[in-house]
Amino acid sequence: MQPLENITINDNWLKDPGLQRLFDILTGGSGEAMVAGGAVRNSLMGQEVTDNGLFTILVTREVSSRSEEQAKQGVPDVSDH
């Protein structure tokens, strides 16, 4: 295994507008969100990222509330991402 300082992560998938919007929704106010799972693994292994698992400190009720608020503003449902 390579030392961490020698690992280069291709972050193009992080620049996806839908993913960035989801981060904006989840991290507003007191929210926090981070990428987890296969996206991290594949990035570290230099493989294509085909899914974006996210972790948030928000409870389900708060994620739903934020999603509903965005839908009222014409933004697609975040649960689709």
C-alpha atoms as a PDB file:
ATOM      1  CA  MET A   1       0.000   0.000   0.000  1.00  0.00           C
ATOM      2  CA  GLN A   2       1.249   3.481  -0.844  1.00  0.00           C
ATOM      3  CA  PRO A   3       1.955   6.020   1.896  1.00  0.00           C
ATOM      4  CA  LEU A   4      -0.979   8.436   2.153  1.00  0.00           C
ATOM      5  CA  GLU A   5       1.069  11.408   0.944  1.00  0.00           C
ATOM      6  CA  ASN A   6       1.703   9.561  -2.362  1.00  0.00           C
ATOM      7  CA  ILE A   7      -1.970   8.940  -3.126  1.00  0.00           C
ATOM      8  CA  THR A   8      -3.624  11.191  -5.692  1.00  0.00           C
ATOM      9  CA  ILE A   9      -7.399  11.333  -5.709  1.00  0.00           C
ATOM     10  CA  ASN A  10      -9.270  12.199  -8.900  1.00  0.00           C
ATOM     11  CA  ASP A  11     -11.891  14.583  -7.575  1.00  0.00           C
ATOM     12  CA  ASN A  12     -13.816  15.298 -10.793  1.00  0.00           C
ATOM     13  CA  TRP A  13     -16.826  13.406  -9.416  1.00  0.00           C
ATOM     14  CA  LEU A  14     -16.905  15.767  -6.434  1.00  0.00           C
ATOM     15  CA  LYS A  15     -17.506  18.685  -8.803  1.00  0.00           C
ATOM     16  CA  ASP A  16     -20.815  17.240 -10.024  1.00  0.00           C
ATOM     17  CA  PRO A  17     -23.406  20.043  -9.693  1.00  0.00           C
ATOM     18  CA  GLY A  18     -26.061  17.712  -8.243  1.00  0.00           C
ATOM     19  CA  LEU A  19     -23.681  16.413  -5.593  1.00  0.00           C
ATOM     20  CA  GLN A  20     -22.545  19.932  -4.742  1.00  0.00           C
ATOM     21  CA  ARG A  21     -26.175  21.040  -4.388  1.00  0.00           C
ATOM     22  CA  LEU A  22     -26.837  18.116  -2.077  1.00  0.00           C
ATOM     23  CA  PHE A  23     -23.867  19.127   0.058  1.00  0.00           C
ATOM     24  CA  ASP A  24     -25.230  22.687   0.180  1.00  0.00           C
ATOM     25  CA  ILE A  25     -28.605  21.417   1.387  1.00  0.00           C
ATOM     26  CA  LEU A  26     -27.167  19.074   4.011  1.00  0.00           C
ATOM     27  CA  THR A  27     -24.485  21.411   5.357  1.00  0.00           C
ATOM     28  CA  GLY A  28     -26.614  24.541   5.714  1.00  0.00           C
ATOM     29  CA  GLY A  29     -27.216  25.780   9.237  1.00  0.00           C
ATOM     30  CA  SER A  30     -25.922  23.252  11.735  1.00  0.00           C
ATOM     31  CA  GLY A  31     -25.704  20.372   9.258  1.00  0.00           C
ATOM     32  CA  GLU A  32     -22.637  18.415   8.290  1.00  0.00           C
ATOM     33  CA  ALA A  33     -22.133  15.908   5.493  1.00  0.00           C
ATOM     34  CA  MET A  34     -19.263  13.844   4.166  1.00  0.00           C
ATOM     35  CA  VAL A  35     -18.654  11.274   1.465  1.00  0.00           C
ATOM     36  CA  ALA A  36     -18.428   7.678   2.654  1.00  0.00           C
ATOM     37  CA  GLY A  37     -18.252   4.130   1.370  1.00  0.00           C
ATOM     38  CA  GLY A  38     -17.560   3.132  -2.212  1.00  0.00           C
ATOM     39  CA  ALA A  39     -16.844   6.675  -3.408  1.00  0.00           C
ATOM     40  CA  VAL A  40     -13.974   6.980  -0.951  1.00  0.00           C
ATOM     41  CA  ARG A  41     -12.696   3.472  -1.652  1.00  0.00           C
ATOM     42  CA  ASN A  42     -12.791   3.886  -5.422  1.00  0.00           C
ATOM     43  CA  SER A  43     -11.117   7.297  -5.259  1.00  0.00           C
ATOM     44  CA  LEU A  44      -8.283   5.951  -3.147  1.00  0.00           C
ATOM     45  CA  MET A  45      -7.871   3.001  -5.506  1.00  0.00           C
ATOM     46  CA  GLY A  46      -7.874   5.217  -8.603  1.00  0.00           C
ATOM     47  CA  GLN A  47     -11.098   3.659  -9.874  1.00  0.00           C
ATOM     48  CA  GLU A  48     -14.178   5.328 -11.310  1.00  0.00           C
ATOM     49  CA  VAL A  49     -16.648   6.560  -8.708  1.00  0.00           C
ATOM     50  CA  THR A  50     -20.066   5.202  -9.645  1.00  0.00           C
ATOM     51  CA  ASP A  51     -21.979   5.943  -6.445  1.00  0.00           C
ATOM     52  CA  ASN A  52     -21.866   8.659  -3.824  1.00  0.00           C
ATOM     53  CA  GLY A  53     -22.597   7.472  -0.324  1.00  0.00           C
ATOM     54  CA  LEU A  54     -23.087  10.408   2.036  1.00  0.00           C
ATOM     55  CA  PHE A  55     -23.136  10.557   5.793  1.00  0.00           C
ATOM     56  CA  THR A  56     -24.836  13.384   7.651  1.00  0.00           C
ATOM     57  CA  ILE A  57     -25.310  14.212  11.309  1.00  0.00           C
ATOM     58  CA  LEU A  58     -28.871  15.303  10.548  1.00  0.00           C
ATOM     59  CA  VAL A  59     -31.749  13.120  11.656  1.00  0.00           C
ATOM     60  CA  THR A  60     -34.032  11.717   8.955  1.00  0.00           C
ATOM     61  CA  ARG A  61     -36.785  14.187   9.824  1.00  0.00           C
ATOM     62  CA  GLU A  62     -34.425  17.136   9.182  1.00  0.00           C
ATOM     63  CA  VAL A  63     -33.183  15.697   5.866  1.00  0.00           C
ATOM     64  CA  SER A  64     -36.817  15.233   4.779  1.00  0.00           C
ATOM     65  CA  SER A  65     -37.707  18.763   5.849  1.00  0.00           C
ATOM     66  CA  ARG A  66     -34.802  20.237   3.901  1.00  0.00           C
ATOM     67  CA  SER A  67     -35.708  18.122   0.887  1.00  0.00           C
ATOM     68  CA  GLU A  68     -39.330  19.282   1.013  1.00  0.00           C
ATOM     69  CA  GLU A  69     -38.239  22.914   1.292  1.00  0.00           C
ATOM     70  CA  GLN A  70     -36.025  22.545  -1.787  1.00  0.00           C
ATOM     71  CA  ALA A  71     -38.886  20.890  -3.705  1.00  0.00           C
ATOM     72  CA  LYS A  72     -41.053  23.954  -2.992  1.00  0.00           C
ATOM     73  CA  GLN A  73     -38.315  26.010  -4.618  1.00  0.00           C
ATOM     74  CA  GLY A  74     -38.271  23.748  -7.693  1.00  0.00           C
ATOM     75  CA  VAL A  75     -35.139  21.775  -6.738  1.00  0.00           C
ATOM     76  CA  PRO A  76     -35.319  17.982  -7.338  1.00  0.00           C
ATOM     77  CA  ASP A  77     -35.762  15.675  -4.336  1.00  0.00           C
ATOM     78  CA  VAL A  78     -32.364  15.088  -2.677  1.00  0.00           C
ATOM     79  CA  SER A  79     -33.275  11.483  -1.901  1.00  0.00           C
ATOM     80  CA  ASP A  80     -32.811  10.766  -5.613  1.00  0.00           C
ATOM     81  CA  HIS A  81     -29.094  11.430  -5.196  1.00  0.00           C
END
